[in-house]
C-alpha atoms as a PDB file:
ATOM      1  CA  UNK A   1     -34.002 -12.148  11.453  1.00  0.00           C
ATOM      2  CA  UNK A   2     -35.074  -9.058  12.852  1.00  0.00           C
ATOM      3  CA  UNK A   3     -33.097  -6.370  12.894  1.00  0.00           C
ATOM      4  CA  UNK A   4     -33.894  -2.747  14.503  1.00  0.00           C
ATOM      5  CA  UNK A   5     -31.728   0.547  12.718  1.00  0.00           C
ATOM      6  CA  UNK A   6     -32.033   2.780  15.831  1.00  0.00           C
ATOM      7  CA  UNK A   7     -31.519   6.297  15.113  1.00  0.00           C
ATOM      8  CA  UNK A   8     -31.975   9.568  17.191  1.00  0.00           C
ATOM      9  CA  UNK A   9     -32.330  13.102  16.020  1.00  0.00           C
ATOM     10  CA  UNK A  10     -32.466  16.993  15.932  1.00  0.00           C
ATOM     11  CA  UNK A  11     -33.294  18.642  13.822  1.00  0.00           C
ATOM     12  CA  UNK A  12     -30.906  17.590  11.302  1.00  0.00           C
ATOM     13  CA  UNK A  13     -34.296  16.217   9.120  1.00  0.00           C
ATOM     14  CA  UNK A  14     -32.047  16.362   5.673  1.00  0.00           C
ATOM     15  CA  UNK A  15     -29.537  14.423   6.664  1.00  0.00           C
ATOM     16  CA  UNK A  16     -31.412  11.846   8.300  1.00  0.00           C
ATOM     17  CA  UNK A  17     -33.399  12.027   4.592  1.00  0.00           C
ATOM     18  CA  UNK A  18     -30.086  11.008   3.070  1.00  0.00           C
ATOM     19  CA  UNK A  19     -29.339   8.306   5.817  1.00  0.00           C
ATOM     20  CA  UNK A  20     -33.047   6.943   4.626  1.00  0.00           C
ATOM     21  CA  UNK A  21     -31.729   6.631   1.681  1.00  0.00           C
ATOM     22  CA  UNK A  22     -28.443   4.705   1.821  1.00  0.00           C
ATOM     23  CA  UNK A  23     -29.115   2.704   4.220  1.00  0.00           C
ATOM     24  CA  UNK A  24     -32.054   1.675   1.298  1.00  0.00           C
ATOM     25  CA  UNK A  25     -29.843   0.421  -1.393  1.00  0.00           C
ATOM     26  CA  UNK A  26     -27.655  -0.815   1.121  1.00  0.00           C
ATOM     27  CA  UNK A  27     -29.682  -3.237   2.269  1.00  0.00           C
ATOM     28  CA  UNK A  28     -31.245  -4.383  -1.241  1.00  0.00           C
ATOM     29  CA  UNK A  29     -32.238  -8.060  -1.732  1.00  0.00           C
ATOM     30  CA  UNK A  30     -30.623  -8.270   2.020  1.00  0.00           C
ATOM     31  CA  UNK A  31     -32.103 -11.677   3.355  1.00  0.00           C
ATOM     32  CA  UNK A  32     -33.228 -10.259   6.621  1.00  0.00           C
ATOM     33  CA  UNK A  33     -36.076  -8.110   7.477  1.00  0.00           C
ATOM     34  CA  UNK A  34     -35.078  -4.740   8.007  1.00  0.00           C
ATOM     35  CA  UNK A  35     -37.028  -1.919  10.236  1.00  0.00           C
ATOM     36  CA  UNK A  36     -35.891   1.241  10.887  1.00  0.00           C
ATOM     37  CA  UNK A  37     -37.328   3.663  14.290  1.00  0.00           C
ATOM     38  CA  UNK A  38     -36.460   7.193  14.946  1.00  0.00           C
ATOM     39  CA  UNK A  39     -36.531   8.889  17.841  1.00  0.00           C
ATOM     40  CA  UNK A  40     -37.358  12.752  17.307  1.00  0.00           C
ATOM     41  CA  UNK A  41     -35.619  14.667  20.321  1.00  0.00           C
ATOM     42  CA  UNK A  42     -38.399  17.587  20.348  1.00  0.00           C
ATOM     43  CA  UNK A  43     -36.660  19.175  17.069  1.00  0.00           C
ATOM     44  CA  UNK A  44     -37.540  22.716  16.872  1.00  0.00           C
ATOM     45  CA  UNK A  45     -38.097  22.608  13.347  1.00  0.00           C
ATOM     46  CA  UNK A  46     -40.495  20.810  11.088  1.00  0.00           C
ATOM     47  CA  UNK A  47     -40.158  17.305  10.122  1.00  0.00           C
ATOM     48  CA  UNK A  48     -38.656  17.379   6.405  1.00  0.00           C
ATOM     49  CA  UNK A  49     -41.165  14.371   4.533  1.00  0.00           C
ATOM     50  CA  UNK A  50     -39.328  11.267   3.356  1.00  0.00           C
ATOM     51  CA  UNK A  51     -38.993  12.413  -0.022  1.00  0.00           C
ATOM     52  CA  UNK A  52     -38.282   8.612  -1.483  1.00  0.00           C
ATOM     53  CA  UNK A  53     -38.722   5.179  -2.180  1.00  0.00           C
ATOM     54  CA  UNK A  54     -38.107   2.691   0.736  1.00  0.00           C
ATOM     55  CA  UNK A  55     -38.874  -1.462  -0.267  1.00  0.00           C
ATOM     56  CA  UNK A  56     -35.718  -2.154   0.933  1.00  0.00           C
ATOM     57  CA  UNK A  57     -37.387  -1.222   4.930  1.00  0.00           C
ATOM     58  CA  UNK A  58     -40.031  -3.433   6.280  1.00  0.00           C
ATOM     59  CA  UNK A  59     -41.256  -0.232   7.946  1.00  0.00           C
ATOM     60  CA  UNK A  60     -40.149   3.188   9.247  1.00  0.00           C
ATOM     61  CA  UNK A  61     -41.704   4.616  12.273  1.00  0.00           C
ATOM     62  CA  UNK A  62     -40.656   8.095  14.542  1.00  0.00           C
ATOM     63  CA  UNK A  63     -41.842   8.338  18.128  1.00  0.00           C
ATOM     64  CA  UNK A  64     -42.053  12.240  18.752  1.00  0.00           C
ATOM     65  CA  UNK A  65     -40.123  12.807  22.424  1.00  0.00           C
ATOM     66  CA  UNK A  66     -42.676  15.568  24.489  1.00  0.00           C
ATOM     67  CA  UNK A  67     -39.922  17.403  26.182  1.00  0.00           C
ATOM     68  CA  UNK A  68     -35.990  16.960  24.658  1.00  0.00           C
ATOM     69  CA  UNK A  69     -33.490  14.855  26.728  1.00  0.00           C
ATOM     70  CA  UNK A  70     -30.280  14.956  24.621  1.00  0.00           C
ATOM     71  CA  UNK A  71     -28.501  11.825  22.722  1.00  0.00           C
ATOM     72  CA  UNK A  72     -28.146   9.372  25.318  1.00  0.00           C
ATOM     73  CA  UNK A  73     -31.564   9.509  26.879  1.00  0.00           C
ATOM     74  CA  UNK A  74     -32.726   9.034  23.419  1.00  0.00           C
ATOM     75  CA  UNK A  75     -31.298   5.937  22.568  1.00  0.00           C
ATOM     76  CA  UNK A  76     -32.542   4.338  26.008  1.00  0.00           C
ATOM     77  CA  UNK A  77     -35.414   5.712  25.081  1.00  0.00           C
ATOM     78  CA  UNK A  78     -35.360   3.695  21.837  1.00  0.00           C
ATOM     79  CA  UNK A  79     -33.737   0.643  23.769  1.00  0.00           C
ATOM     80  CA  UNK A  80     -36.838   0.369  25.669  1.00  0.00           C
ATOM     81  CA  UNK A  81     -39.006   1.048  23.285  1.00  0.00           C
ATOM     82  CA  UNK A  82     -38.802  -1.657  21.075  1.00  0.00           C
ATOM     83  CA  UNK A  83     -38.088  -4.099  23.534  1.00  0.00           C
ATOM     84  CA  UNK A  84     -41.826  -3.619  25.219  1.00  0.00           C
ATOM     85  CA  UNK A  85     -43.170  -3.249  21.711  1.00  0.00           C
ATOM     86  CA  UNK A  86     -41.250  -4.718  18.718  1.00  0.00           C
ATOM     87  CA  UNK A  87     -40.479  -8.510  17.796  1.00  0.00           C
ATOM     88  CA  UNK A  88     -36.199  -7.917  16.939  1.00  0.00           C
ATOM     89  CA  UNK A  89     -33.528 -10.090  17.413  1.00  0.00           C
ATOM     90  CA  UNK A  90     -31.054  -7.041  17.114  1.00  0.00           C
ATOM     91  CA  UNK A  91     -31.112  -3.549  17.545  1.00  0.00           C
ATOM     92  CA  UNK A  92     -28.125  -1.275  15.247  1.00  0.00           C
ATOM     93  CA  UNK A  93     -28.544   2.127  17.207  1.00  0.00           C
ATOM     94  CA  UNK A  94     -26.156   4.795  14.954  1.00  0.00           C
ATOM     95  CA  UNK A  95     -25.977   8.821  14.440  1.00  0.00           C
ATOM     96  CA  UNK A  96     -28.377  10.046  11.806  1.00  0.00           C
ATOM     97  CA  UNK A  97     -25.678  12.400  10.564  1.00  0.00           C
ATOM     98  CA  UNK A  98     -23.833  10.399   8.697  1.00  0.00           C
ATOM     99  CA  UNK A  99     -20.071   9.876  10.517  1.00  0.00           C
ATOM    100  CA  UNK A 100     -22.087   6.564  11.900  1.00  0.00           C
ATOM    101  CA  UNK A 101     -21.176   5.205   8.437  1.00  0.00           C
ATOM    102  CA  UNK A 102     -23.780   3.361   6.933  1.00  0.00           C
ATOM    103  CA  UNK A 103     -21.603   0.982   4.785  1.00  0.00           C
ATOM    104  CA  UNK A 104     -20.522  -1.055   7.714  1.00  0.00           C
ATOM    105  CA  UNK A 105     -23.877  -2.648   8.987  1.00  0.00           C
ATOM    106  CA  UNK A 106     -22.570  -5.043   6.556  1.00  0.00           C
ATOM    107  CA  UNK A 107     -19.698  -5.608   9.152  1.00  0.00           C
ATOM    108  CA  UNK A 108     -21.868  -6.157  11.753  1.00  0.00           C
ATOM    109  CA  UNK A 109     -24.374  -9.134   9.491  1.00  0.00           C
ATOM    110  CA  UNK A 110     -21.138 -10.568   8.404  1.00  0.00           C
ATOM    111  CA  UNK A 111     -19.927 -11.299  11.390  1.00  0.00           C
ATOM    112  CA  UNK A 112     -23.062 -12.896  12.734  1.00  0.00           C
ATOM    113  CA  UNK A 113     -21.867 -16.443  11.690  1.00  0.00           C
ATOM    114  CA  UNK A 114     -18.596 -16.067  14.010  1.00  0.00           C
ATOM    115  CA  UNK A 115     -20.571 -14.328  16.896  1.00  0.00           C
ATOM    116  CA  UNK A 116     -23.945 -15.418  17.015  1.00  0.00           C
ATOM    117  CA  UNK A 117     -25.688 -13.817  19.797  1.00  0.00           C
ATOM    118  CA  UNK A 118     -22.755 -11.441  20.372  1.00  0.00           C
ATOM    119  CA  UNK A 119     -22.544  -7.654  20.589  1.00  0.00           C
ATOM    120  CA  UNK A 120     -20.435  -6.701  18.054  1.00  0.00           C
ATOM    121  CA  UNK A 121     -18.677  -3.438  18.687  1.00  0.00           C
ATOM    122  CA  UNK A 122     -17.922  -0.633  15.867  1.00  0.00           C
ATOM    123  CA  UNK A 123     -14.020  -0.160  17.105  1.00  0.00           C
ATOM    124  CA  UNK A 124     -12.602   3.363  15.919  1.00  0.00           C
ATOM    125  CA  UNK A 125      -9.851   3.757  14.087  1.00  0.00           C
ATOM    126  CA  UNK A 126      -9.810   6.349  12.703  1.00  0.00           C
ATOM    127  CA  UNK A 127     -11.652   9.636  12.884  1.00  0.00           C
ATOM    128  CA  UNK A 128     -12.398  12.630  10.733  1.00  0.00           C
ATOM    129  CA  UNK A 129     -12.757  15.884  13.285  1.00  0.00           C
ATOM    130  CA  UNK A 130      -9.242  18.022  13.535  1.00  0.00           C
ATOM    131  CA  UNK A 131      -6.409  16.897  14.996  1.00  0.00           C
ATOM    132  CA  UNK A 132      -7.184  19.509  18.441  1.00  0.00           C
ATOM    133  CA  UNK A 133     -10.385  17.852  18.599  1.00  0.00           C
ATOM    134  CA  UNK A 134      -8.187  13.947  18.331  1.00  0.00           C
ATOM    135  CA  UNK A 135      -6.111  15.168  20.767  1.00  0.00           C
ATOM    136  CA  UNK A 136      -8.434  15.706  23.425  1.00  0.00           C
ATOM    137  CA  UNK A 137     -10.359  12.536  22.457  1.00  0.00           C
ATOM    138  CA  UNK A 138      -6.911  10.723  22.947  1.00  0.00           C
ATOM    139  CA  UNK A 139      -6.860  12.351  26.883  1.00  0.00           C
ATOM    140  CA  UNK A 140     -10.161  11.035  27.304  1.00  0.00           C
ATOM    141  CA  UNK A 141      -9.426   7.641  26.902  1.00  0.00           C
ATOM    142  CA  UNK A 142      -6.242   7.527  29.032  1.00  0.00           C
ATOM    143  CA  UNK A 143      -8.136   9.234  31.780  1.00  0.00           C
ATOM    144  CA  UNK A 144     -11.140   7.214  31.198  1.00  0.00           C
ATOM    145  CA  UNK A 145      -9.034   3.933  31.384  1.00  0.00           C
ATOM    146  CA  UNK A 146      -6.839   5.181  34.700  1.00  0.00           C
ATOM    147  CA  UNK A 147      -9.718   6.236  36.563  1.00  0.00           C
ATOM    148  CA  UNK A 148     -11.602   3.651  35.099  1.00  0.00           C
ATOM    149  CA  UNK A 149      -9.637   0.427  33.768  1.00  0.00           C
ATOM    150  CA  UNK A 150     -12.060   0.038  31.030  1.00  0.00           C
ATOM    151  CA  UNK A 151     -10.577   0.875  27.326  1.00  0.00           C
ATOM    152  CA  UNK A 152     -13.810   1.645  24.894  1.00  0.00           C
ATOM    153  CA  UNK A 153     -12.735   2.439  21.472  1.00  0.00           C
ATOM    154  CA  UNK A 154     -16.483   2.175  20.640  1.00  0.00           C
ATOM    155  CA  UNK A 155     -19.518   4.545  20.852  1.00  0.00           C
ATOM    156  CA  UNK A 156     -23.457   3.906  19.833  1.00  0.00           C
ATOM    157  CA  UNK A 157     -22.636   1.977  16.663  1.00  0.00           C
ATOM    158  CA  UNK A 158     -22.984  -1.215  17.633  1.00  0.00           C
ATOM    159  CA  UNK A 159     -24.895  -4.433  17.519  1.00  0.00           C
ATOM    160  CA  UNK A 160     -26.771  -5.341  20.253  1.00  0.00           C
ATOM    161  CA  UNK A 161     -28.140  -9.089  20.345  1.00  0.00           C
ATOM    162  CA  UNK A 162     -32.114  -9.092  21.893  1.00  0.00           C
ATOM    163  CA  UNK A 163     -30.233 -10.124  25.738  1.00  0.00           C
ATOM    164  CA  UNK A 164     -28.263  -7.747  25.476  1.00  0.00           C
ATOM    165  CA  UNK A 165     -30.644  -5.113  25.298  1.00  0.00           C
ATOM    166  CA  UNK A 166     -33.061  -6.401  27.675  1.00  0.00           C
ATOM    167  CA  UNK A 167     -29.570  -6.210  30.609  1.00  0.00           C
ATOM    168  CA  UNK A 168     -29.389  -2.451  29.560  1.00  0.00           C
ATOM    169  CA  UNK A 169     -32.749  -1.526  29.853  1.00  0.00           C
ATOM    170  CA  UNK A 170     -32.533  -2.754  33.285  1.00  0.00           C
ATOM    171  CA  UNK A 171     -29.298  -0.741  33.535  1.00  0.00           C
ATOM    172  CA  UNK A 172     -29.916   2.951  35.317  1.00  0.00           C
ATOM    173  CA  UNK A 173     -26.347   4.575  33.836  1.00  0.00           C
ATOM    174  CA  UNK A 174     -27.554   3.484  30.179  1.00  0.00           C
ATOM    175  CA  UNK A 175     -30.486   6.601  31.046  1.00  0.00           C
ATOM    176  CA  UNK A 176     -26.673   9.202  31.366  1.00  0.00           C
ATOM    177  CA  UNK A 177     -23.509   7.050  28.712  1.00  0.00           C
ATOM    178  CA  UNK A 178     -24.709   4.431  26.283  1.00  0.00           C
ATOM    179  CA  UNK A 179     -20.829   3.427  25.972  1.00  0.00           C
ATOM    180  CA  UNK A 180     -20.393   2.915  29.121  1.00  0.00           C
ATOM    181  CA  UNK A 181     -23.498   0.975  30.102  1.00  0.00           C
ATOM    182  CA  UNK A 182     -22.645  -1.310  27.487  1.00  0.00           C
ATOM    183  CA  UNK A 183     -18.774  -2.115  28.618  1.00  0.00           C
ATOM    184  CA  UNK A 184     -20.311  -2.071  31.978  1.00  0.00           C
ATOM    185  CA  UNK A 185     -23.760  -5.080  31.578  1.00  0.00           C
ATOM    186  CA  UNK A 186     -21.039  -6.742  28.526  1.00  0.00           C
ATOM    187  CA  UNK A 187     -17.298  -7.288  29.236  1.00  0.00           C
ATOM    188  CA  UNK A 188     -17.649 -10.300  26.298  1.00  0.00           C
ATOM    189  CA  UNK A 189     -17.495  -8.238  23.044  1.00  0.00           C
ATOM    190  CA  UNK A 190     -16.692  -8.758  20.047  1.00  0.00           C
ATOM    191  CA  UNK A 191     -15.491  -6.111  17.595  1.00  0.00           C
ATOM    192  CA  UNK A 192     -15.627  -4.369  14.067  1.00  0.00           C
ATOM    193  CA  UNK A 193     -12.977  -1.337  12.975  1.00  0.00           C
ATOM    194  CA  UNK A 194     -15.249   1.739  12.510  1.00  0.00           C
ATOM    195  CA  UNK A 195     -13.487   4.467  11.367  1.00  0.00           C
ATOM    196  CA  UNK A 196     -15.932   7.871  11.977  1.00  0.00           C
ATOM    197  CA  UNK A 197     -17.381   9.241   8.689  1.00  0.00           C
ATOM    198  CA  UNK A 198     -17.985  13.294   7.720  1.00  0.00           C
ATOM    199  CA  UNK A 199     -21.594  14.731   8.548  1.00  0.00           C
ATOM    200  CA  UNK A 200     -23.587  14.889   5.407  1.00  0.00           C
ATOM    201  CA  UNK A 201     -24.605  18.224   5.941  1.00  0.00           C
ATOM    202  CA  UNK A 202     -22.761  21.062   8.202  1.00  0.00           C
ATOM    203  CA  UNK A 203     -19.651  20.691  10.590  1.00  0.00           C
ATOM    204  CA  UNK A 204     -19.382  18.116  13.146  1.00  0.00           C
ATOM    205  CA  UNK A 205     -21.905  18.654  16.570  1.00  0.00           C
ATOM    206  CA  UNK A 206     -19.362  17.189  19.180  1.00  0.00           C
ATOM    207  CA  UNK A 207     -17.171  20.595  20.582  1.00  0.00           C
ATOM    208  CA  UNK A 208     -15.072  20.324  23.367  1.00  0.00           C
ATOM    209  CA  UNK A 209     -17.913  21.371  26.431  1.00  0.00           C
ATOM    210  CA  UNK A 210     -20.066  18.037  25.275  1.00  0.00           C
ATOM    211  CA  UNK A 211     -16.435  15.586  24.540  1.00  0.00           C
ATOM    212  CA  UNK A 212     -16.004  16.959  28.229  1.00  0.00           C
ATOM    213  CA  UNK A 213     -19.418  15.909  29.583  1.00  0.00           C
ATOM    214  CA  UNK A 214     -19.198  12.699  27.680  1.00  0.00           C
ATOM    215  CA  UNK A 215     -16.021  11.772  29.004  1.00  0.00           C
ATOM    216  CA  UNK A 216     -17.435  12.484  32.767  1.00  0.00           C
ATOM    217  CA  UNK A 217     -21.031  10.521  31.759  1.00  0.00           C
ATOM    218  CA  UNK A 218     -18.882   6.828  31.183  1.00  0.00           C
ATOM    219  CA  UNK A 219     -16.452   7.240  34.342  1.00  0.00           C
ATOM    220  CA  UNK A 220     -19.739   7.744  36.412  1.00  0.00           C
ATOM    221  CA  UNK A 221     -20.692   5.220  35.485  1.00  0.00           C
ATOM    222  CA  UNK A 222     -17.711   3.223  37.152  1.00  0.00           C
ATOM    223  CA  UNK A 223     -17.889   5.634  40.208  1.00  0.00           C
ATOM    224  CA  UNK A 224     -16.429   2.782  42.395  1.00  0.00           C
ATOM    225  CA  UNK A 225     -13.793   2.259  40.623  1.00  0.00           C
ATOM    226  CA  UNK A 226     -13.349   6.240  40.222  1.00  0.00           C
ATOM    227  CA  UNK A 227     -13.354   7.067  43.540  1.00  0.00           C
ATOM    228  CA  UNK A 228     -10.528   3.654  44.948  1.00  0.00           C
ATOM    229  CA  UNK A 229      -8.526   4.852  42.035  1.00  0.00           C
ATOM    230  CA  UNK A 230      -8.261   8.408  42.763  1.00  0.00           C
ATOM    231  CA  UNK A 231      -7.727   7.566  46.851  1.00  0.00           C
ATOM    232  CA  UNK A 232      -5.031   5.708  45.876  1.00  0.00           C
ATOM    233  CA  UNK A 233      -3.254   7.751  43.183  1.00  0.00           C
ATOM    234  CA  UNK A 234      -3.671  10.613  45.923  1.00  0.00           C
ATOM    235  CA  UNK A 235      -2.165   8.464  49.298  1.00  0.00           C
ATOM    236  CA  UNK A 236       0.239   7.549  46.718  1.00  0.00           C
ATOM    237  CA  UNK A 237       1.318  11.101  45.168  1.00  0.00           C
ATOM    238  CA  UNK A 238       1.081  12.530  48.704  1.00  0.00           C
ATOM    239  CA  UNK A 239       3.696   9.880  49.727  1.00  0.00           C
ATOM    240  CA  UNK A 240       5.880  10.869  46.964  1.00  0.00           C
ATOM    241  CA  UNK A 241       5.827  14.809  47.606  1.00  0.00           C
ATOM    242  CA  UNK A 242       5.583  15.193  51.659  1.00  0.00           C
ATOM    243  CA  UNK A 243       9.103  16.224  51.893  1.00  0.00           C
ATOM    244  CA  UNK A 244       7.991  19.372  49.244  1.00  0.00           C
ATOM    245  CA  UNK A 245       4.339  19.932  49.573  1.00  0.00           C
ATOM    246  CA  UNK A 246       3.683  23.317  47.964  1.00  0.00           C
ATOM    247  CA  UNK A 247       0.550  24.880  45.428  1.00  0.00           C
ATOM    248  CA  UNK A 248       2.226  23.678  42.471  1.00  0.00           C
ATOM    249  CA  UNK A 249       2.675  20.099  44.072  1.00  0.00           C
ATOM    250  CA  UNK A 250      -0.583  19.439  45.381  1.00  0.00           C
ATOM    251  CA  UNK A 251      -2.477  20.494  41.979  1.00  0.00           C
ATOM    252  CA  UNK A 252      -2.198  17.299  40.932  1.00  0.00           C
ATOM    253  CA  UNK A 253      -4.127  16.462  43.641  1.00  0.00           C
ATOM    254  CA  UNK A 254      -7.032  19.065  44.137  1.00  0.00           C
ATOM    255  CA  UNK A 255      -7.448  17.733  39.757  1.00  0.00           C
ATOM    256  CA  UNK A 256      -8.165  14.541  40.800  1.00  0.00           C
ATOM    257  CA  UNK A 257     -10.415  15.711  43.415  1.00  0.00           C
ATOM    258  CA  UNK A 258     -11.887  18.573  40.779  1.00  0.00           C
ATOM    259  CA  UNK A 259     -12.245  15.658  38.665  1.00  0.00           C
ATOM    260  CA  UNK A 260     -14.608  12.829  40.664  1.00  0.00           C
ATOM    261  CA  UNK A 261     -16.391  15.946  42.247  1.00  0.00           C
ATOM    262  CA  UNK A 262     -18.065  17.111  38.282  1.00  0.00           C
ATOM    263  CA  UNK A 263     -18.156  13.019  37.434  1.00  0.00           C
ATOM    264  CA  UNK A 264     -20.117  12.449  40.406  1.00  0.00           C
ATOM    265  CA  UNK A 265     -22.366  15.657  39.547  1.00  0.00           C
ATOM    266  CA  UNK A 266     -22.689  14.396  35.920  1.00  0.00           C
ATOM    267  CA  UNK A 267     -23.776  10.501  36.970  1.00  0.00           C
ATOM    268  CA  UNK A 268     -26.549  12.054  39.834  1.00  0.00           C
ATOM    269  CA  UNK A 269     -28.537  12.870  35.802  1.00  0.00           C
ATOM    270  CA  UNK A 270     -29.371   9.192  36.542  1.00  0.00           C
ATOM    271  CA  UNK A 271     -32.554   8.925  38.002  1.00  0.00           C
ATOM    272  CA  UNK A 272     -34.186   4.928  37.965  1.00  0.00           C
ATOM    273  CA  UNK A 273     -37.397   6.245  38.732  1.00  0.00           C
ATOM    274  CA  UNK A 274     -37.716   8.392  35.355  1.00  0.00           C
ATOM    275  CA  UNK A 275     -35.500   5.547  33.080  1.00  0.00           C
ATOM    276  CA  UNK A 276     -38.391   3.005  34.181  1.00  0.00           C
ATOM    277  CA  UNK A 277     -41.487   5.427  33.214  1.00  0.00           C
ATOM    278  CA  UNK A 278     -38.639   6.604  30.054  1.00  0.00           C
ATOM    279  CA  UNK A 279     -41.853   6.129  27.207  1.00  0.00           C
ATOM    280  CA  UNK A 280     -44.352   8.665  28.945  1.00  0.00           C
ATOM    281  CA  UNK A 281     -41.934  11.376  27.511  1.00  0.00           C
ATOM    282  CA  UNK A 282     -42.739  10.179  24.266  1.00  0.00           C
ATOM    283  CA  UNK A 283     -45.775  12.304  22.450  1.00  0.00           C
ATOM    284  CA  UNK A 284     -47.055  10.947  19.358  1.00  0.00           C
ATOM    285  CA  UNK A 285     -45.982   7.748  17.132  1.00  0.00           C
ATOM    286  CA  UNK A 286     -46.274   8.532  13.042  1.00  0.00           C
ATOM    287  CA  UNK A 287     -45.700   5.010  10.821  1.00  0.00           C
ATOM    288  CA  UNK A 288     -43.623   6.826   7.905  1.00  0.00           C
ATOM    289  CA  UNK A 289     -43.742   3.820   5.955  1.00  0.00           C
END
């Protein structure tokens, strides 16, 4: 079985090298054929050559983006490139900084016998960030569920069969939100427990601003549900306060309107034509192994 590991990277070459070393060690003696595709998001720091033997990997290829496009679009570009240029049965997208723990790859493989040809997601059961961020993340999940009806407890770290990859490449939402697109295209998903690890080097790059954008990008995948639920909420709430209307009591409706506007603005980044032509943004391709 041919399995591709897809890793976007921006500048953090030291973490990438450590990740490749750990993956290579963990897959030693595997009966499956593993290879790695790295998507360099137009890093501003020179790449550090991989100073190790990668005997457990069939190949390691690096594609360089001509422009910085962000994590979601690098994943989308990587999926499209693999689909159109490589032979594979499954793809495992994962972060390159250690927060997606490489030892959990074995969980995906072990679950193949129970869920053949089915997407498997790493469902977060524990996170490594501070208490403030975890509270904000909980609020994000609640708001997402209330306005979309979707309970999304997974990120990029997933196990995608080829049929799922084909669906996601055809779905324009993949361009802005990986997890939102997967939730939209695949309703029947298997899960394995996943613990959010700590970065190999330096603090996490996820902050409040990036979490807000992440949340709005997911909600934007389900725009129709967002609008309908927002209208319903506003009507019911307005009916309940109709005898006590004031600036303060109207604040929840104002916040909902702001949420809808911001979400629609974020979702405008989806550009199907740009997505179809995304491979034109790839520069040179390097075969590391």
